[in-house]
Protein backbone atom coordinates (compact mmCIF):
# COMPACT_ATOMS: atom_id res chain seq x y z
CA MET A 1 29.83 -139.42 40.38
CA SER A 2 31.73 -142.71 40.66
CA ALA A 3 35.38 -143.31 39.90
CA THR A 4 36.09 -145.38 36.79
CA GLY A 5 39.83 -145.79 37.17
CA GLY A 6 39.72 -149.32 38.60
CA ALA A 7 38.69 -151.66 35.81
CA ALA A 8 37.54 -155.10 36.81
CA SER A 9 39.99 -157.88 36.07
CA GLY A 10 39.31 -159.43 32.68
CA SER A 11 37.48 -156.41 31.25
CA SER A 12 37.56 -156.01 27.47
CA ALA A 13 39.71 -152.87 27.82
CA GLU A 14 42.20 -154.81 29.91
CA ARG A 15 42.29 -157.79 27.51
CA ARG A 16 42.82 -155.48 24.52
CA ALA A 17 46.41 -154.34 24.95
CA GLU A 18 46.71 -152.89 21.45
CA ARG A 19 44.94 -149.95 19.85
CA ARG A 20 42.63 -150.78 16.97
CA ILE A 21 43.13 -148.80 13.77
CA ALA A 22 40.00 -148.15 11.70
CA VAL A 23 41.19 -149.00 8.19
CA ARG A 24 39.55 -150.72 5.23
CA LEU A 25 41.83 -153.34 3.72
CA PRO A 26 40.95 -156.15 1.31
CA VAL A 27 40.66 -159.40 3.27
CA ARG A 28 40.15 -163.00 2.13
CA VAL A 29 38.59 -165.19 4.83
CA ARG A 30 38.28 -168.97 4.71
CA GLY A 31 36.50 -171.11 7.26
CA ALA A 32 33.24 -172.83 8.07
CA ASP A 33 29.97 -171.20 9.07
CA ARG A 34 27.64 -172.10 11.94
CA ALA A 35 26.21 -175.02 9.92
CA GLY A 36 29.69 -176.38 9.11
CA VAL A 37 29.56 -175.23 5.47
CA SER A 38 32.96 -174.11 4.14
CA PHE A 39 33.30 -170.63 2.68
CA ASP A 40 35.94 -168.51 0.96
CA GLU A 41 34.94 -164.84 1.06
CA LEU A 42 36.46 -161.57 -0.14
CA THR A 43 35.57 -158.72 2.21
CA THR A 44 37.15 -155.67 3.88
CA SER A 45 38.44 -155.02 7.36
CA GLU A 46 36.62 -152.73 9.78
CA ASN A 47 39.71 -152.32 11.97
CA VAL A 48 43.07 -153.99 12.56
CA CYS A 49 45.76 -154.25 15.21
CA ARG A 50 48.84 -156.43 15.61
CA ASN A 51 46.89 -159.20 17.31
CA GLY A 52 43.68 -159.30 15.27
CA LEU A 53 41.09 -157.65 13.08
CA ALA A 54 37.38 -157.17 12.61
CA PHE A 55 35.59 -157.60 9.29
CA ALA A 56 32.08 -157.74 7.84
CA THR A 57 30.82 -161.07 6.51
CA LEU A 58 27.67 -162.70 5.22
CA HIS A 59 28.56 -165.90 7.10
CA GLU A 60 27.50 -166.53 10.68
CA VAL A 61 30.48 -168.13 12.38
CA LEU A 62 30.74 -169.46 15.92
CA PRO A 63 32.89 -167.87 18.63
CA GLY A 64 36.11 -169.87 18.87
CA ALA A 65 35.96 -171.01 15.23
CA SER A 66 39.31 -171.07 13.43
CA LEU A 67 39.63 -168.98 10.24
CA GLU A 68 42.34 -168.45 7.63
CA ILE A 69 42.99 -164.75 6.96
CA GLU A 70 44.85 -163.08 4.07
CA ILE A 71 45.32 -159.32 3.86
CA SER A 72 46.56 -158.03 0.51
CA PRO A 73 45.98 -154.97 -1.65
CA ALA A 74 45.51 -157.40 -4.54
CA ALA A 75 43.17 -159.77 -2.64
CA LEU A 76 40.16 -158.39 -4.49
CA ALA A 77 41.75 -158.78 -7.94
CA SER A 78 40.85 -161.74 -10.11
CA GLU A 79 44.49 -162.89 -10.12
CA ARG A 80 45.80 -164.55 -6.97
CA PRO A 81 49.26 -163.17 -6.19
CA ALA A 82 50.91 -164.10 -2.92
CA PRO A 83 49.16 -162.34 -0.03
CA GLU A 84 50.98 -159.56 1.77
CA PHE A 85 50.02 -161.14 5.10
CA SER A 86 48.60 -164.57 5.86
CA THR A 87 47.68 -166.05 9.24
CA ARG A 88 45.09 -168.00 11.19
CA GLY A 89 42.82 -166.68 13.89
CA ASP A 90 40.02 -167.61 16.26
CA VAL A 91 36.68 -165.82 16.33
CA ALA A 92 36.65 -163.71 19.50
CA HIS A 93 33.22 -162.13 18.96
CA ILE A 94 30.43 -161.80 16.41
CA ALA A 95 27.62 -159.24 16.25
CA PRO A 96 24.95 -158.28 13.72
CA ALA A 97 26.08 -155.46 11.42
CA ALA A 98 23.98 -152.39 10.63
CA ASP A 99 23.19 -154.21 7.36
CA SER A 100 20.99 -156.98 8.79
CA ARG A 101 22.35 -159.52 6.29
CA GLN A 102 25.90 -159.22 7.59
CA TYR A 103 27.87 -159.84 10.77
CA ILE A 104 30.89 -158.06 12.23
CA VAL A 105 33.42 -160.67 13.28
CA GLY A 106 36.38 -159.99 15.55
CA VAL A 107 39.32 -162.38 15.17
CA ARG A 108 42.31 -162.88 17.47
CA PHE A 109 45.34 -164.05 15.48
CA THR A 110 46.76 -167.43 16.51
CA GLY A 111 49.42 -167.43 13.79
CA PRO A 112 51.78 -164.61 12.81
CA ARG A 113 50.91 -161.11 14.02
CA PHE A 114 50.26 -158.16 11.74
CA HIS A 115 53.18 -155.70 11.79
CA ARG A 116 52.25 -153.13 9.15
CA VAL A 117 51.49 -149.59 10.35
CA PHE A 118 48.45 -147.70 9.06
CA ARG A 119 46.93 -144.31 9.66
CA PRO A 120 43.29 -144.29 10.74
CA GLU A 121 40.79 -143.39 8.03
CA SER A 122 39.16 -139.98 8.34
CA ASP A 123 35.44 -139.95 8.97
């Protein structure tokens, strides 16, 4: 049995200083996909932390791409009230979702951080 206490420098666990909270929040995402086509999509978060979030999308984006993010309980309503939280972020990772038509995108905020506290959803 090998010891696992010494993580290699630069490991994902080391880079991620904040705990992710599994919570579904309405999210509006604006950016450009892999082909450079602009999109404005309403989706939900998979998880959030102060420094970023992950969400499901139909758009394949490139790592490093800049996105505009709005998180608001009213983001899915037809009216457009001011978002509760608005920032920019860079795509840190992208992976196919269980639904083969979607992707799970992880974003690292480059603008304001998210300061709201949530309880994890029960499975």
